[in-house]
PDB file of N, CA and C in Angstrom:
ATOM      1  N   MET A   1     -55.111  27.667  82.862  1.00  0.00           N
ATOM      2  CA  MET A   1     -54.041  28.516  83.296  1.00  0.00           C
ATOM      3  C   MET A   1     -54.235  29.643  81.845  1.00  0.00           C
ATOM      4  N   PRO A   2     -55.263  30.770  81.933  1.00  0.00           N
ATOM      5  CA  PRO A   2     -55.413  31.550  80.761  1.00  0.00           C
ATOM      6  C   PRO A   2     -53.900  32.695  80.266  1.00  0.00           C
ATOM      7  N   VAL A   3     -53.588  32.308  79.253  1.00  0.00           N
ATOM      8  CA  VAL A   3     -52.488  32.805  78.765  1.00  0.00           C
ATOM      9  C   VAL A   3     -52.885  34.470  78.068  1.00  0.00           C
ATOM     10  N   ASP A   4     -52.831  35.268  78.307  1.00  0.00           N
ATOM     11  CA  ASP A   4     -53.173  36.658  77.489  1.00  0.00           C
ATOM     12  C   ASP A   4     -52.236  36.605  76.281  1.00  0.00           C
ATOM     13  N   THR A   5     -52.731  37.210  75.168  1.00  0.00           N
ATOM     14  CA  THR A   5     -51.896  37.160  74.020  1.00  0.00           C
ATOM     15  C   THR A   5     -51.403  38.277  74.045  1.00  0.00           C
ATOM     16  N   PRO A   6     -49.568  38.185  73.887  1.00  0.00           N
ATOM     17  CA  PRO A   6     -48.780  39.208  73.998  1.00  0.00           C
ATOM     18  C   PRO A   6     -49.169  40.468  72.817  1.00  0.00           C
ATOM     19  N   ARG A   7     -48.998  41.528  73.717  1.00  0.00           N
ATOM     20  CA  ARG A   7     -49.320  43.062  72.792  1.00  0.00           C
ATOM     21  C   ARG A   7     -48.723  43.492  71.880  1.00  0.00           C
ATOM     22  N   TRP A   8     -47.250  42.990  71.984  1.00  0.00           N
ATOM     23  CA  TRP A   8     -46.207  43.391  70.864  1.00  0.00           C
ATOM     24  C   TRP A   8     -46.634  42.744  69.508  1.00  0.00           C
ATOM     25  N   GLY A   9     -47.177  41.506  69.548  1.00  0.00           N
ATOM     26  CA  GLY A   9     -47.471  40.998  68.172  1.00  0.00           C
ATOM     27  C   GLY A   9     -48.055  41.922  67.124  1.00  0.00           C
ATOM     28  N   ARG A  10     -48.896  42.566  67.618  1.00  0.00           N
ATOM     29  CA  ARG A  10     -49.488  43.655  66.305  1.00  0.00           C
ATOM     30  C   ARG A  10     -48.873  44.599  65.800  1.00  0.00           C
ATOM     31  N   ALA A  11     -48.010  45.193  66.591  1.00  0.00           N
ATOM     32  CA  ALA A  11     -47.182  46.444  66.656  1.00  0.00           C
ATOM     33  C   ALA A  11     -46.134  45.754  65.544  1.00  0.00           C
ATOM     34  N   ALA A  12     -45.449  44.875  66.189  1.00  0.00           N
ATOM     35  CA  ALA A  12     -44.266  44.237  65.498  1.00  0.00           C
ATOM     36  C   ALA A  12     -44.368  43.794  63.853  1.00  0.00           C
ATOM     37  N   ALA A  13     -45.556  43.372  63.874  1.00  0.00           N
ATOM     38  CA  ALA A  13     -46.389  42.992  62.268  1.00  0.00           C
ATOM     39  C   ALA A  13     -46.424  44.239  61.578  1.00  0.00           C
ATOM     40  N   ASP A  14     -46.876  45.267  62.216  1.00  0.00           N
ATOM     41  CA  ASP A  14     -47.080  46.036  61.613  1.00  0.00           C
ATOM     42  C   ASP A  14     -45.872  47.022  60.923  1.00  0.00           C
ATOM     43  N   ARG A  15     -45.096  46.687  61.865  1.00  0.00           N
ATOM     44  CA  ARG A  15     -43.479  47.578  61.780  1.00  0.00           C
ATOM     45  C   ARG A  15     -42.693  46.551  60.061  1.00  0.00           C
ATOM     46  N   LEU A  16     -42.986  45.557  60.638  1.00  0.00           N
ATOM     47  CA  LEU A  16     -42.385  44.653  59.486  1.00  0.00           C
ATOM     48  C   LEU A  16     -43.439  44.777  58.494  1.00  0.00           C
ATOM     49  N   ALA A  17     -44.601  44.912  58.346  1.00  0.00           N
ATOM     50  CA  ALA A  17     -45.199  44.996  57.012  1.00  0.00           C
ATOM     51  C   ALA A  17     -44.788  46.504  56.376  1.00  0.00           C
ATOM     52  N   ALA A  18     -44.621  47.247  56.949  1.00  0.00           N
ATOM     53  CA  ALA A  18     -44.399  48.753  56.838  1.00  0.00           C
ATOM     54  C   ALA A  18     -42.785  48.697  56.245  1.00  0.00           C
ATOM     55  N   ALA A  19     -41.853  47.989  56.821  1.00  0.00           N
ATOM     56  CA  ALA A  19     -40.655  47.794  56.052  1.00  0.00           C
ATOM     57  C   ALA A  19     -40.115  46.774  54.705  1.00  0.00           C
ATOM     58  N   GLN A  20     -41.361  45.800  54.904  1.00  0.00           N
ATOM     59  CA  GLN A  20     -41.288  45.098  53.501  1.00  0.00           C
ATOM     60  C   GLN A  20     -41.814  45.637  52.431  1.00  0.00           C
ATOM     61  N   ARG A  21     -42.989  46.956  52.852  1.00  0.00           N
ATOM     62  CA  ARG A  21     -43.526  47.811  51.489  1.00  0.00           C
ATOM     63  C   ARG A  21     -42.257  48.736  51.143  1.00  0.00           C
ATOM     64  N   ALA A  22     -41.706  49.415  52.366  1.00  0.00           N
ATOM     65  CA  ALA A  22     -40.159  49.757  51.674  1.00  0.00           C
ATOM     66  C   ALA A  22     -39.147  49.486  50.971  1.00  0.00           C
ATOM     67  N   ALA A  23     -39.120  48.252  51.651  1.00  0.00           N
ATOM     68  CA  ALA A  23     -38.084  47.308  50.516  1.00  0.00           C
ATOM     69  C   ALA A  23     -38.487  47.229  49.210  1.00  0.00           C
ATOM     70  N   GLY A  24     -39.831  46.822  48.509  1.00  0.00           N
ATOM     71  CA  GLY A  24     -40.314  46.485  47.775  1.00  0.00           C
ATOM     72  C   GLY A  24     -40.591  47.767  46.626  1.00  0.00           C
ATOM     73  N   ARG A  25     -40.019  48.785  47.653  1.00  0.00           N
ATOM     74  CA  ARG A  25     -40.249  50.103  46.679  1.00  0.00           C
ATOM     75  C   ARG A  25     -38.548  50.571  46.083  1.00  0.00           C
ATOM     76  N   ALA A  26     -38.082  50.149  46.608  1.00  0.00           N
ATOM     77  CA  ALA A  26     -36.487  50.456  46.500  1.00  0.00           C
ATOM     78  C   ALA A  26     -36.080  50.000  45.106  1.00  0.00           C
ATOM     79  N   LYS A  27     -35.306  50.381  44.463  1.00  0.00           N
ATOM     80  CA  LYS A  27     -34.924  50.541  43.432  1.00  0.00           C
ATOM     81  C   LYS A  27     -33.915  49.208  43.241  1.00  0.00           C
ATOM     82  N   ARG A  28     -34.209  48.095  42.408  1.00  0.00           N
ATOM     83  CA  ARG A  28     -33.384  47.343  42.573  1.00  0.00           C
ATOM     84  C   ARG A  28     -31.771  47.435  42.365  1.00  0.00           C
ATOM     85  N   ARG A  29     -30.871  46.133  42.823  1.00  0.00           N
ATOM     86  CA  ARG A  29     -29.807  46.520  42.972  1.00  0.00           C
ATOM     87  C   ARG A  29     -28.986  47.670  43.740  1.00  0.00           C
ATOM     88  N   SER A  30     -29.789  48.155  44.505  1.00  0.00           N
ATOM     89  CA  SER A  30     -29.331  49.759  44.629  1.00  0.00           C
ATOM     90  C   SER A  30     -28.673  49.497  46.195  1.00  0.00           C
ATOM     91  N   ASN A  31     -28.381  50.449  46.859  1.00  0.00           N
ATOM     92  CA  ASN A  31     -27.301  50.171  48.124  1.00  0.00           C
ATOM     93  C   ASN A  31     -28.810  50.632  49.221  1.00  0.00           C
ATOM     94  N   ASN A  32     -29.604  51.469  48.945  1.00  0.00           N
ATOM     95  CA  ASN A  32     -30.767  51.732  49.123  1.00  0.00           C
ATOM     96  C   ASN A  32     -31.745  50.489  49.439  1.00  0.00           C
ATOM     97  N   ARG A  33     -31.858  49.721  48.607  1.00  0.00           N
ATOM     98  CA  ARG A  33     -32.735  48.354  48.573  1.00  0.00           C
ATOM     99  C   ARG A  33     -31.960  47.548  49.464  1.00  0.00           C
ATOM    100  N   ARG A  34     -30.617  47.418  49.567  1.00  0.00           N
ATOM    101  CA  ARG A  34     -29.696  46.414  50.239  1.00  0.00           C
ATOM    102  C   ARG A  34     -29.960  46.919  51.944  1.00  0.00           C
ATOM    103  N   HIS A  35     -29.800  48.105  52.335  1.00  0.00           N
ATOM    104  CA  HIS A  35     -30.154  48.735  53.316  1.00  0.00           C
ATOM    105  C   HIS A  35     -31.749  48.070  53.986  1.00  0.00           C
ATOM    106  N   ARG A  36     -32.369  48.265  53.138  1.00  0.00           N
ATOM    107  CA  ARG A  36     -34.084  48.303  52.773  1.00  0.00           C
ATOM    108  C   ARG A  36     -34.307  46.524  53.573  1.00  0.00           C
ATOM    109  N   ARG A  37     -33.622  46.073  52.698  1.00  0.00           N
ATOM    110  CA  ARG A  37     -33.645  44.647  52.954  1.00  0.00           C
ATOM    111  C   ARG A  37     -33.198  43.799  54.366  1.00  0.00           C
ATOM    112  N   GLU A  38     -32.267  44.397  54.749  1.00  0.00           N
ATOM    113  CA  GLU A  38     -31.235  44.205  55.992  1.00  0.00           C
ATOM    114  C   GLU A  38     -32.460  44.637  57.129  1.00  0.00           C
ATOM    115  N   THR A  39     -33.124  45.576  57.231  1.00  0.00           N
ATOM    116  CA  THR A  39     -34.137  46.185  57.787  1.00  0.00           C
ATOM    117  C   THR A  39     -35.116  45.331  58.164  1.00  0.00           C
ATOM    118  N   VAL A  40     -35.712  44.895  56.849  1.00  0.00           N
ATOM    119  CA  VAL A  40     -36.756  43.702  56.990  1.00  0.00           C
ATOM    120  C   VAL A  40     -36.170  42.346  57.402  1.00  0.00           C
ATOM    121  N   ALA A  41     -35.138  41.976  57.146  1.00  0.00           N
ATOM    122  CA  ALA A  41     -34.458  40.825  58.167  1.00  0.00           C
ATOM    123  C   ALA A  41     -34.054  41.209  59.613  1.00  0.00           C
ATOM    124  N   ALA A  42     -33.860  41.946  60.011  1.00  0.00           N
ATOM    125  CA  ALA A  42     -33.727  42.531  61.652  1.00  0.00           C
ATOM    126  C   ALA A  42     -35.089  42.583  62.235  1.00  0.00           C
ATOM    127  N   ARG A  43     -35.908  42.813  61.131  1.00  0.00           N
ATOM    128  CA  ARG A  43     -37.694  42.852  62.030  1.00  0.00           C
ATOM    129  C   ARG A  43     -37.864  41.221  61.902  1.00  0.00           C
ATOM    130  N   HIS A  44     -37.350  40.829  60.895  1.00  0.00           N
ATOM    131  CA  HIS A  44     -37.569  39.152  61.631  1.00  0.00           C
ATOM    132  C   HIS A  44     -37.076  38.712  62.564  1.00  0.00           C
ATOM    133  N   ARG A  45     -35.993  39.014  62.432  1.00  0.00           N
ATOM    134  CA  ARG A  45     -34.786  38.418  63.691  1.00  0.00           C
ATOM    135  C   ARG A  45     -35.743  38.580  65.320  1.00  0.00           C
ATOM    136  N   LYS A  46     -36.028  40.056  65.350  1.00  0.00           N
ATOM    137  CA  LYS A  46     -36.944  40.707  66.132  1.00  0.00           C
ATOM    138  C   LYS A  46     -37.808  39.943  66.933  1.00  0.00           C
ATOM    139  N   ILE A  47     -38.872  39.664  65.987  1.00  0.00           N
ATOM    140  CA  ILE A  47     -39.968  38.965  66.381  1.00  0.00           C
ATOM    141  C   ILE A  47     -39.759  37.276  66.549  1.00  0.00           C
ATOM    142  N   ALA A  48     -38.958  37.106  66.001  1.00  0.00           N
ATOM    143  CA  ALA A  48     -38.552  35.237  66.315  1.00  0.00           C
ATOM    144  C   ALA A  48     -38.237  35.881  67.919  1.00  0.00           C
ATOM    145  N   ASN A  49     -36.692  36.601  68.269  1.00  0.00           N
ATOM    146  CA  ASN A  49     -36.500  36.663  69.734  1.00  0.00           C
ATOM    147  C   ASN A  49     -37.732  37.054  70.560  1.00  0.00           C
ATOM    148  N   GLN A  50     -38.377  38.125  70.006  1.00  0.00           N
ATOM    149  CA  GLN A  50     -39.686  38.079  71.131  1.00  0.00           C
ATOM    150  C   GLN A  50     -40.894  36.758  71.091  1.00  0.00           C
ATOM    151  N   ARG A  51     -40.994  35.863  70.130  1.00  0.00           N
ATOM    152  CA  ARG A  51     -41.827  35.079  70.269  1.00  0.00           C
ATOM    153  C   ARG A  51     -41.081  33.425  71.613  1.00  0.00           C
ATOM    154  N   LYS A  52     -39.495  33.615  70.950  1.00  0.00           N
ATOM    155  CA  LYS A  52     -38.516  32.659  71.839  1.00  0.00           C
ATOM    156  C   LYS A  52     -38.771  33.218  73.314  1.00  0.00           C
ATOM    157  N   ASP A  53     -38.683  34.187  73.269  1.00  0.00           N
ATOM    158  CA  ASP A  53     -38.733  35.091  74.721  1.00  0.00           C
ATOM    159  C   ASP A  53     -40.335  34.958  75.303  1.00  0.00           C
ATOM    160  N   PHE A  54     -40.737  35.111  74.851  1.00  0.00           N
ATOM    161  CA  PHE A  54     -42.191  34.427  75.373  1.00  0.00           C
ATOM    162  C   PHE A  54     -42.390  33.405  75.611  1.00  0.00           C
ATOM    163  N   HIS A  55     -41.951  32.428  74.992  1.00  0.00           N
ATOM    164  CA  HIS A  55     -42.557  31.049  75.285  1.00  0.00           C
ATOM    165  C   HIS A  55     -41.620  30.317  76.383  1.00  0.00           C
ATOM    166  N   HIS A  56     -40.664  30.707  76.348  1.00  0.00           N
ATOM    167  CA  HIS A  56     -39.554  30.719  77.280  1.00  0.00           C
ATOM    168  C   HIS A  56     -40.155  31.035  78.668  1.00  0.00           C
ATOM    169  N   LYS A  57     -40.424  32.267  79.058  1.00  0.00           N
ATOM    170  CA  LYS A  57     -41.221  32.889  79.902  1.00  0.00           C
ATOM    171  C   LYS A  57     -42.300  32.373  80.228  1.00  0.00           C
ATOM    172  N   GLN A  58     -42.871  31.745  79.418  1.00  0.00           N
ATOM    173  CA  GLN A  58     -44.346  30.843  79.969  1.00  0.00           C
ATOM    174  C   GLN A  58     -43.880  29.749  80.269  1.00  0.00           C
ATOM    175  N   ALA A  59     -42.782  29.234  79.423  1.00  0.00           N
ATOM    176  CA  ALA A  59     -42.856  27.626  80.084  1.00  0.00           C
ATOM    177  C   ALA A  59     -41.822  27.661  81.451  1.00  0.00           C
ATOM    178  N   ARG A  60     -41.088  28.575  81.796  1.00  0.00           N
ATOM    179  CA  ARG A  60     -40.533  29.001  82.938  1.00  0.00           C
ATOM    180  C   ARG A  60     -41.484  28.868  84.174  1.00  0.00           C
ATOM    181  N   GLU A  61     -42.621  29.398  83.989  1.00  0.00           N
ATOM    182  CA  GLU A  61     -43.640  29.948  84.478  1.00  0.00           C
ATOM    183  C   GLU A  61     -44.401  28.731  85.320  1.00  0.00           C
ATOM    184  N   LEU A  62     -44.704  27.820  84.176  1.00  0.00           N
ATOM    185  CA  LEU A  62     -45.338  26.624  84.367  1.00  0.00           C
ATOM    186  C   LEU A  62     -44.758  25.729  85.170  1.00  0.00           C
ATOM    187  N   VAL A  63     -43.274  25.755  84.739  1.00  0.00           N
ATOM    188  CA  VAL A  63     -42.472  25.090  85.743  1.00  0.00           C
ATOM    189  C   VAL A  63     -42.412  25.141  87.229  1.00  0.00           C
ATOM    190  N   GLY A  64     -42.641  26.306  87.028  1.00  0.00           N
ATOM    191  CA  GLY A  64     -42.414  26.680  88.539  1.00  0.00           C
ATOM    192  C   GLY A  64     -43.885  26.921  89.294  1.00  0.00           C
ATOM    193  N   ARG A  65     -44.509  26.717  88.670  1.00  0.00           N
ATOM    194  CA  ARG A  65     -46.240  26.488  89.286  1.00  0.00           C
ATOM    195  C   ARG A  65     -46.772  25.202  89.468  1.00  0.00           C
ATOM    196  N   TYR A  66     -46.311  24.364  88.943  1.00  0.00           N
ATOM    197  CA  TYR A  66     -46.562  22.612  89.114  1.00  0.00           C
ATOM    198  C   TYR A  66     -45.731  22.085  88.667  1.00  0.00           C
ATOM    199  N   GLU A  67     -46.161  20.843  89.660  1.00  0.00           N
ATOM    200  CA  GLU A  67     -44.724  19.843  90.195  1.00  0.00           C
ATOM    201  C   GLU A  67     -44.923  18.840  88.859  1.00  0.00           C
ATOM    202  N   LEU A  68     -46.087  18.452  88.294  1.00  0.00           N
ATOM    203  CA  LEU A  68     -45.897  17.424  87.103  1.00  0.00           C
ATOM    204  C   LEU A  68     -46.364  17.891  85.792  1.00  0.00           C
ATOM    205  N   LEU A  69     -45.313  17.955  84.985  1.00  0.00           N
ATOM    206  CA  LEU A  69     -46.157  18.226  83.586  1.00  0.00           C
ATOM    207  C   LEU A  69     -46.245  17.484  82.825  1.00  0.00           C
ATOM    208  N   VAL A  70     -47.251  17.393  81.542  1.00  0.00           N
ATOM    209  CA  VAL A  70     -47.772  16.201  80.694  1.00  0.00           C
ATOM    210  C   VAL A  70     -47.755  16.809  79.600  1.00  0.00           C
ATOM    211  N   VAL A  71     -47.012  16.365  78.436  1.00  0.00           N
ATOM    212  CA  VAL A  71     -46.958  16.730  77.199  1.00  0.00           C
ATOM    213  C   VAL A  71     -47.800  15.578  76.444  1.00  0.00           C
ATOM    214  N   GLU A  72     -48.690  15.654  75.705  1.00  0.00           N
ATOM    215  CA  GLU A  72     -49.602  14.785  75.065  1.00  0.00           C
ATOM    216  C   GLU A  72     -49.465  15.483  73.312  1.00  0.00           C
ATOM    217  N   ASP A  73     -49.178  14.441  72.762  1.00  0.00           N
ATOM    218  CA  ASP A  73     -48.930  14.521  71.325  1.00  0.00           C
ATOM    219  C   ASP A  73     -50.038  14.354  70.438  1.00  0.00           C
ATOM    220  N   LEU A  74     -51.031  15.198  69.917  1.00  0.00           N
ATOM    221  CA  LEU A  74     -52.449  14.800  69.605  1.00  0.00           C
ATOM    222  C   LEU A  74     -52.008  15.170  68.084  1.00  0.00           C
ATOM    223  N   LYS A  75     -52.817  14.526  67.197  1.00  0.00           N
ATOM    224  CA  LYS A  75     -53.271  14.496  65.782  1.00  0.00           C
ATOM    225  C   LYS A  75     -54.609  15.295  65.464  1.00  0.00           C
ATOM    226  N   ILE A  76     -54.506  16.678  65.592  1.00  0.00           N
ATOM    227  CA  ILE A  76     -55.557  17.432  65.628  1.00  0.00           C
ATOM    228  C   ILE A  76     -56.337  17.170  64.432  1.00  0.00           C
ATOM    229  N   ALA A  77     -55.491  16.931  63.363  1.00  0.00           N
ATOM    230  CA  ALA A  77     -56.363  16.731  62.006  1.00  0.00           C
ATOM    231  C   ALA A  77     -57.328  15.537  62.121  1.00  0.00           C
ATOM    232  N   ASN A  78     -57.045  14.419  62.631  1.00  0.00           N
ATOM    233  CA  ASN A  78     -57.862  13.410  63.115  1.00  0.00           C
ATOM    234  C   ASN A  78     -58.981  13.654  64.006  1.00  0.00           C
ATOM    235  N   MET A  79     -58.741  14.671  64.687  1.00  0.00           N
ATOM    236  CA  MET A  79     -59.941  14.840  65.756  1.00  0.00           C
ATOM    237  C   MET A  79     -61.051  15.479  65.058  1.00  0.00           C
ATOM    238  N   LEU A  80     -60.568  16.506  63.994  1.00  0.00           N
ATOM    239  CA  LEU A  80     -61.727  17.748  63.251  1.00  0.00           C
ATOM    240  C   LEU A  80     -62.426  16.825  62.419  1.00  0.00           C
ATOM    241  N   GLY A  81     -62.242  15.751  62.004  1.00  0.00           N
ATOM    242  CA  GLY A  81     -63.248  14.859  60.906  1.00  0.00           C
ATOM    243  C   GLY A  81     -64.201  14.215  61.903  1.00  0.00           C
ATOM    244  N   ARG A  82     -65.347  14.001  61.198  1.00  0.00           N
ATOM    245  CA  ARG A  82     -66.438  13.139  61.829  1.00  0.00           C
ATOM    246  C   ARG A  82     -66.473  11.777  61.204  1.00  0.00           C
ATOM    247  N   ALA A  83     -66.715  10.456  61.662  1.00  0.00           N
ATOM    248  CA  ALA A  83     -66.748   9.111  61.479  1.00  0.00           C
ATOM    249  C   ALA A  83     -67.668   9.295  60.660  1.00  0.00           C
ATOM    250  N   LYS A  84     -67.170   8.469  59.659  1.00  0.00           N
ATOM    251  CA  LYS A  84     -68.510   7.737  58.135  1.00  0.00           C
ATOM    252  C   LYS A  84     -69.286   6.979  59.050  1.00  0.00           C
ATOM    253  N   PRO A  85     -70.727   7.492  58.660  1.00  0.00           N
ATOM    254  CA  PRO A  85     -71.844   7.063  58.674  1.00  0.00           C
ATOM    255  C   PRO A  85     -71.512   5.255  58.423  1.00  0.00           C
ATOM    256  N   VAL A  86     -72.438   4.361  59.214  1.00  0.00           N
ATOM    257  CA  VAL A  86     -72.659   3.035  58.970  1.00  0.00           C
ATOM    258  C   VAL A  86     -74.027   2.657  58.662  1.00  0.00           C
ATOM    259  N   PRO A  87     -74.449   2.238  57.452  1.00  0.00           N
ATOM    260  CA  PRO A  87     -75.186   1.851  56.773  1.00  0.00           C
ATOM    261  C   PRO A  87     -76.125   0.913  57.662  1.00  0.00           C
ATOM    262  N   THR A  88     -77.387   1.040  57.960  1.00  0.00           N
ATOM    263  CA  THR A  88     -78.183   0.496  58.926  1.00  0.00           C
ATOM    264  C   THR A  88     -78.031  -0.781  58.026  1.00  0.00           C
ATOM    265  N   ARG A  89     -78.511  -2.126  59.074  1.00  0.00           N
ATOM    266  CA  ARG A  89     -79.023  -3.521  58.718  1.00  0.00           C
ATOM    267  C   ARG A  89     -80.562  -3.597  57.962  1.00  0.00           C
ATOM    268  N   ILE A  90     -81.531  -2.885  58.385  1.00  0.00           N
ATOM    269  CA  ILE A  90     -82.627  -2.799  57.719  1.00  0.00           C
ATOM    270  C   ILE A  90     -82.571  -2.886  56.349  1.00  0.00           C
ATOM    271  N   SER A  91     -82.142  -1.723  55.720  1.00  0.00           N
ATOM    272  CA  SER A  91     -82.102  -1.082  54.554  1.00  0.00           C
ATOM    273  C   SER A  91     -81.082  -0.671  53.954  1.00  0.00           C
ATOM    274  N   ARG A  92     -80.571  -1.583  52.480  1.00  0.00           N
ATOM    275  CA  ARG A  92     -79.138  -1.469  52.647  1.00  0.00           C
ATOM    276  C   ARG A  92     -79.237  -0.277  51.701  1.00  0.00           C
ATOM    277  N   GLY A  93     -78.097   0.658  52.264  1.00  0.00           N
ATOM    278  CA  GLY A  93     -77.455   2.323  51.216  1.00  0.00           C
ATOM    279  C   GLY A  93     -78.347   3.091  52.023  1.00  0.00           C
ATOM    280  N   SER A  94     -79.261   3.023  53.269  1.00  0.00           N
ATOM    281  CA  SER A  94     -79.598   4.239  53.853  1.00  0.00           C
ATOM    282  C   SER A  94     -78.795   4.412  55.268  1.00  0.00           C
ATOM    283  N   PHE A  95     -78.873   5.569  55.510  1.00  0.00           N
ATOM    284  CA  PHE A  95     -78.167   5.610  56.633  1.00  0.00           C
ATOM    285  C   PHE A  95     -79.127   6.359  58.410  1.00  0.00           C
TER     286      PHE A  95
END
């Protein structure tokens, strides 16, 4: 089942970046900087909530669609590497 990438992700990232730039320009220890930091925190919170909601909706759709769900804990880092070459018995040191 292909899952489309949520469209809100890029827009939310752009809004967060703009809020962070604005907070960075504000004078330190000022009320304006405090308000802008709260805005950045709110943007982070909103993104976290959107992601949590998206994952919950996808999980609910899977549970409703399939009778049996299986989760496998794979070690992806181990799957990316290649096996070390084994030297041949004919000539030592060559592969």
